Amino acid sequence: MATESFLLNAREQAISWPPGTVLLDVLRDNLGFKGTKDGCREGDCGACMVLLGIPEGEGLAYRTINSCLLPVGEAAGRHIVTVEGLNQPDLSPVQQALIDEGAIQCGVCTPGLVIALAGFLLSGAPLSEADGVAALGGNICRCTGYVSIRRAIARLCGQFPGLATDGGASSSERTSALVALGILPPYFLEAPPRLQKLLETPSDGAPGAARRKPRGSRSPV
């Protein structure tokens, strides 16, 4: 059983789990990140979505991924961001848009929507309602009927017109812009050097490494 190290939100994390275990189970059952929801477990609903940051140049390139499909071994040397990792003292523009437009009801899909919209803004894709809808193509909501979610997307696109012109920006420049706008927490700026330092440090036997729970040990929602 290998020890895997990665950056989880704003902290370094070392875990000792079989590398084939899906990240969703590690996040919820072992590390207590309940915001990442256990939905379909087939990659179809988006409730368990997280951001995966991969080194690119001097920064990190982020993409959204379903944690129910990602083996924890694939998280090694990466930056994993759960919905808790996007929280700030005040609501972010993404969270506020979803609330103001009535796009939150039962809340099961909400963490995935927040992650997917943050990933859309991080991607450098054209900032249009159509592209935002496409970015949320893997997120299912059984309550709202999607109209309110579309309104939230349109609101964000109209709120940050300057982001529509940064298609040529590097990943680090885009991240810096989103931090300045309050969309991402400031710790994102320190993630690239911290991850690089983590990659240069042997992780076996790291203090505080999370250990595997007995098989079948599952936490309630």
Protein backbone atom coordinates (compact mmCIF):
# COMPACT_ATOMS: atom_id res chain seq x y z
CA MET A 1 0.00 0.00 0.00
CA ALA A 2 1.75 3.15 -1.23
CA THR A 3 1.61 6.59 0.35
CA GLU A 4 0.33 9.18 -2.10
CA SER A 5 0.85 12.92 -1.60
CA PHE A 6 -1.12 15.74 -3.17
CA LEU A 7 -2.36 19.22 -2.41
CA LEU A 8 -5.94 19.12 -1.12
CA ASN A 9 -7.52 22.56 -1.14
CA ALA A 10 -5.11 24.68 0.93
CA ARG A 11 -3.19 21.89 2.65
CA GLU A 12 -0.71 19.15 1.86
CA GLN A 13 -2.20 15.69 2.20
CA ALA A 14 -0.55 12.28 2.39
CA ILE A 15 -2.68 9.13 2.36
CA SER A 16 -2.01 5.41 2.55
CA TRP A 17 -4.70 3.70 0.48
CA PRO A 18 -4.70 1.16 -2.34
CA PRO A 19 -4.03 3.34 -5.41
CA GLY A 20 -7.11 1.95 -7.21
CA THR A 21 -9.53 3.28 -4.58
CA VAL A 22 -11.70 6.03 -6.03
CA LEU A 23 -11.00 9.54 -4.77
CA LEU A 24 -14.65 10.06 -3.80
CA ASP A 25 -14.43 7.43 -1.06
CA VAL A 26 -11.18 8.85 0.29
CA LEU A 27 -12.58 12.40 0.40
CA ARG A 28 -15.85 11.51 2.09
CA ASP A 29 -15.15 8.43 4.22
CA ASN A 30 -11.63 9.14 5.36
CA LEU A 31 -11.00 12.87 5.10
CA GLY A 32 -14.48 14.15 5.96
CA PHE A 33 -15.14 16.32 2.90
CA LYS A 34 -18.89 15.75 2.78
CA GLY A 35 -19.51 18.54 0.27
CA THR A 36 -18.41 16.10 -2.42
CA LYS A 37 -21.65 14.15 -2.86
CA ASP A 38 -21.98 10.43 -3.50
CA GLY A 39 -24.50 10.28 -6.32
CA CYS A 40 -24.55 7.85 -9.21
CA ARG A 41 -20.98 6.54 -8.84
CA GLU A 42 -20.88 6.21 -12.63
CA GLY A 43 -19.69 9.68 -13.65
CA ASP A 44 -23.10 10.72 -14.94
CA CYS A 45 -24.54 13.16 -12.38
CA GLY A 46 -21.67 15.53 -11.45
CA ALA A 47 -22.51 15.57 -7.73
CA CYS A 48 -19.00 14.37 -6.84
CA MET A 49 -17.17 16.79 -9.14
CA VAL A 50 -13.83 18.29 -8.04
CA LEU A 51 -11.18 20.42 -9.70
CA LEU A 52 -7.96 18.69 -10.71
CA GLY A 53 -4.94 20.98 -11.06
CA ILE A 54 -2.01 19.74 -13.14
CA PRO A 55 1.33 21.60 -13.43
CA GLU A 56 1.53 23.66 -16.62
CA GLY A 57 4.38 26.08 -17.12
CA GLU A 58 4.64 28.24 -14.02
CA GLY A 59 1.05 27.57 -12.98
CA LEU A 60 -1.58 24.86 -12.78
CA ALA A 61 -4.13 23.99 -15.44
CA TYR A 62 -7.44 23.01 -13.85
CA ARG A 63 -10.16 20.79 -15.19
CA THR A 64 -13.30 19.35 -13.66
CA ILE A 65 -13.43 15.64 -12.99
CA ASN A 66 -15.83 13.20 -11.36
CA SER A 67 -14.12 11.93 -8.22
CA CYS A 68 -16.13 8.68 -8.37
CA LEU A 69 -14.09 7.73 -11.45
CA LEU A 70 -10.63 8.97 -10.43
CA PRO A 71 -8.32 6.43 -8.75
CA VAL A 72 -6.60 8.09 -5.82
CA GLY A 73 -3.25 7.09 -7.31
CA GLU A 74 -3.98 9.52 -10.17
CA ALA A 75 -4.27 12.37 -7.65
CA ALA A 76 -0.63 12.05 -6.63
CA GLY A 77 1.31 15.23 -7.35
CA ARG A 78 -1.85 17.13 -8.26
CA HIS A 79 -4.02 19.83 -6.70
CA ILE A 80 -7.46 18.55 -5.72
CA VAL A 81 -10.08 21.20 -4.96
CA THR A 82 -13.40 20.25 -3.37
CA VAL A 83 -16.32 22.64 -2.98
CA GLU A 84 -15.07 23.41 0.55
CA GLY A 85 -11.86 24.66 -1.03
CA LEU A 86 -13.77 27.38 -2.89
CA ASN A 87 -15.33 28.83 0.27
CA GLN A 88 -14.30 32.31 1.41
CA PRO A 89 -15.43 34.64 4.22
CA ASP A 90 -18.12 35.97 1.86
CA LEU A 91 -19.98 34.15 -0.89
CA SER A 92 -18.08 34.04 -4.16
CA PRO A 93 -19.71 35.50 -7.29
CA VAL A 94 -20.42 31.95 -8.46
CA GLN A 95 -22.20 31.01 -5.24
CA GLN A 96 -24.07 34.33 -5.14
CA ALA A 97 -25.28 33.97 -8.72
CA LEU A 98 -26.70 30.51 -8.03
CA ILE A 99 -28.51 31.80 -4.95
CA ASP A 100 -29.83 35.02 -6.49
CA GLU A 101 -31.17 33.25 -9.56
CA GLY A 102 -32.94 30.51 -7.56
CA ALA A 103 -30.65 27.76 -8.85
CA ILE A 104 -30.35 26.01 -5.47
CA GLN A 105 -33.07 23.77 -4.07
CA CYS A 106 -32.34 20.39 -2.43
CA GLY A 107 -28.58 21.04 -2.59
CA VAL A 108 -27.36 17.63 -3.75
CA CYS A 109 -26.22 18.94 -7.13
CA THR A 110 -25.07 22.34 -5.82
CA PRO A 111 -21.43 21.45 -4.99
CA GLY A 112 -20.96 20.03 -8.47
CA LEU A 113 -22.50 23.13 -10.05
CA VAL A 114 -20.17 25.42 -8.09
CA ILE A 115 -17.16 23.33 -9.11
CA ALA A 116 -18.25 23.15 -12.76
CA LEU A 117 -18.78 26.91 -12.99
CA ALA A 118 -15.42 27.60 -11.36
CA GLY A 119 -13.85 25.19 -13.84
CA PHE A 120 -15.60 26.98 -16.71
CA LEU A 121 -14.15 30.33 -15.61
CA LEU A 122 -10.72 28.75 -15.15
CA SER A 123 -10.74 27.07 -18.55
CA GLY A 124 -10.32 30.20 -20.66
CA ALA A 125 -13.29 29.15 -22.82
CA PRO A 126 -15.31 31.94 -24.46
CA LEU A 127 -17.44 33.54 -21.77
CA SER A 128 -20.89 33.01 -23.24
CA GLU A 129 -24.06 31.44 -21.95
CA ALA A 130 -23.83 28.69 -24.57
CA ASP A 131 -20.29 27.76 -23.53
CA GLY A 132 -21.28 27.88 -19.86
CA VAL A 133 -24.19 25.53 -20.49
CA ALA A 134 -21.85 23.20 -22.37
CA ALA A 135 -19.42 23.26 -19.42
CA LEU A 136 -22.24 22.05 -17.15
CA GLY A 137 -23.21 19.25 -19.50
CA GLY A 138 -22.12 16.62 -16.95
CA ASN A 139 -24.20 18.05 -14.09
CA ILE A 140 -27.71 16.77 -13.42
CA CYS A 141 -30.26 18.74 -11.37
CA ARG A 142 -33.59 17.10 -10.60
CA CYS A 143 -35.19 20.16 -8.92
CA THR A 144 -34.75 23.43 -10.78
CA GLY A 145 -35.64 22.58 -14.37
CA TYR A 146 -32.31 24.19 -15.38
CA VAL A 147 -33.80 27.59 -16.33
CA SER A 148 -32.51 29.20 -13.12
CA ILE A 149 -29.10 27.62 -13.67
CA ARG A 150 -28.98 29.15 -17.15
CA ARG A 151 -29.82 32.52 -15.63
CA ALA A 152 -26.93 32.13 -13.18
CA ILE A 153 -24.57 31.35 -16.07
CA ALA A 154 -25.79 34.37 -18.04
CA ARG A 155 -25.38 36.55 -14.94
CA LEU A 156 -21.75 35.48 -14.50
CA CYS A 157 -20.97 36.01 -18.17
CA GLY A 158 -22.37 39.53 -17.99
CA GLN A 159 -20.68 40.28 -14.67
CA PHE A 160 -17.13 39.60 -15.87
CA PRO A 161 -16.87 40.70 -19.51
CA GLY A 162 -13.10 41.15 -19.19
CA LEU A 163 -12.62 37.41 -18.79
CA ALA A 164 -13.98 36.90 -22.30
CA THR A 165 -10.84 38.49 -23.76
CA ASP A 166 -8.24 36.48 -21.85
CA GLY A 167 -8.24 33.47 -24.19
CA GLY A 168 -4.50 33.87 -24.68
CA ALA A 169 -3.72 34.19 -20.99
CA SER A 170 -1.59 31.55 -19.31
CA SER A 171 -3.08 29.36 -16.61
CA SER A 172 -1.28 31.33 -13.91
CA GLU A 173 -2.51 34.67 -15.30
CA ARG A 174 -6.08 33.41 -15.44
CA THR A 175 -5.91 32.10 -11.89
CA SER A 176 -4.54 35.44 -10.68
CA ALA A 177 -7.40 37.27 -12.40
CA LEU A 178 -10.01 35.03 -10.78
CA VAL A 179 -8.46 35.54 -7.35
CA ALA A 180 -8.51 39.31 -7.86
CA LEU A 181 -12.21 39.12 -8.76
CA GLY A 182 -13.00 37.10 -5.64
CA ILE A 183 -14.00 34.01 -7.61
CA LEU A 184 -11.14 31.91 -6.19
CA PRO A 185 -9.61 32.06 -2.70
CA PRO A 186 -6.12 33.65 -2.46
CA TYR A 187 -4.42 30.35 -1.59
CA PHE A 188 -4.69 29.37 -5.28
CA LEU A 189 -1.78 31.75 -5.94
CA GLU A 190 0.50 29.70 -3.71
CA ALA A 191 -0.60 26.31 -5.03
CA PRO A 192 2.00 25.94 -7.86
CA PRO A 193 5.14 26.43 -5.72
CA ARG A 194 3.67 24.41 -2.86
CA LEU A 195 2.87 21.54 -5.20
CA GLN A 196 6.35 21.70 -6.71
CA LYS A 197 7.86 21.50 -3.24
CA LEU A 198 5.60 18.57 -2.43
CA LEU A 199 6.73 16.74 -5.57
CA GLU A 200 10.35 17.15 -4.49
CA THR A 201 9.72 15.73 -1.00
CA PRO A 202 9.52 11.95 -0.41
CA SER A 203 6.05 11.11 0.92
CA ASP A 204 6.53 7.60 2.38
CA GLY A 205 5.92 7.67 6.08
CA ALA A 206 4.81 11.31 6.00
CA PRO A 207 3.41 12.47 9.34
CA GLY A 208 -0.34 12.70 9.49
CA ALA A 209 -0.91 10.39 6.54
CA ALA A 210 -4.52 9.27 6.41
CA ARG A 211 -4.92 5.53 6.71
CA ARG A 212 -7.40 3.27 5.01
CA LYS A 213 -10.61 2.45 6.86
CA PRO A 214 -11.78 -1.15 6.93
CA ARG A 215 -13.56 -2.20 3.77
CA GLY A 216 -17.24 -1.41 3.87
CA SER A 217 -16.84 1.43 6.34
CA ARG A 218 -19.01 4.13 4.82
CA SER A 219 -20.22 7.41 6.27
CA PRO A 220 -23.78 8.67 5.93
CA VAL A 221 -24.60 11.68 3.74
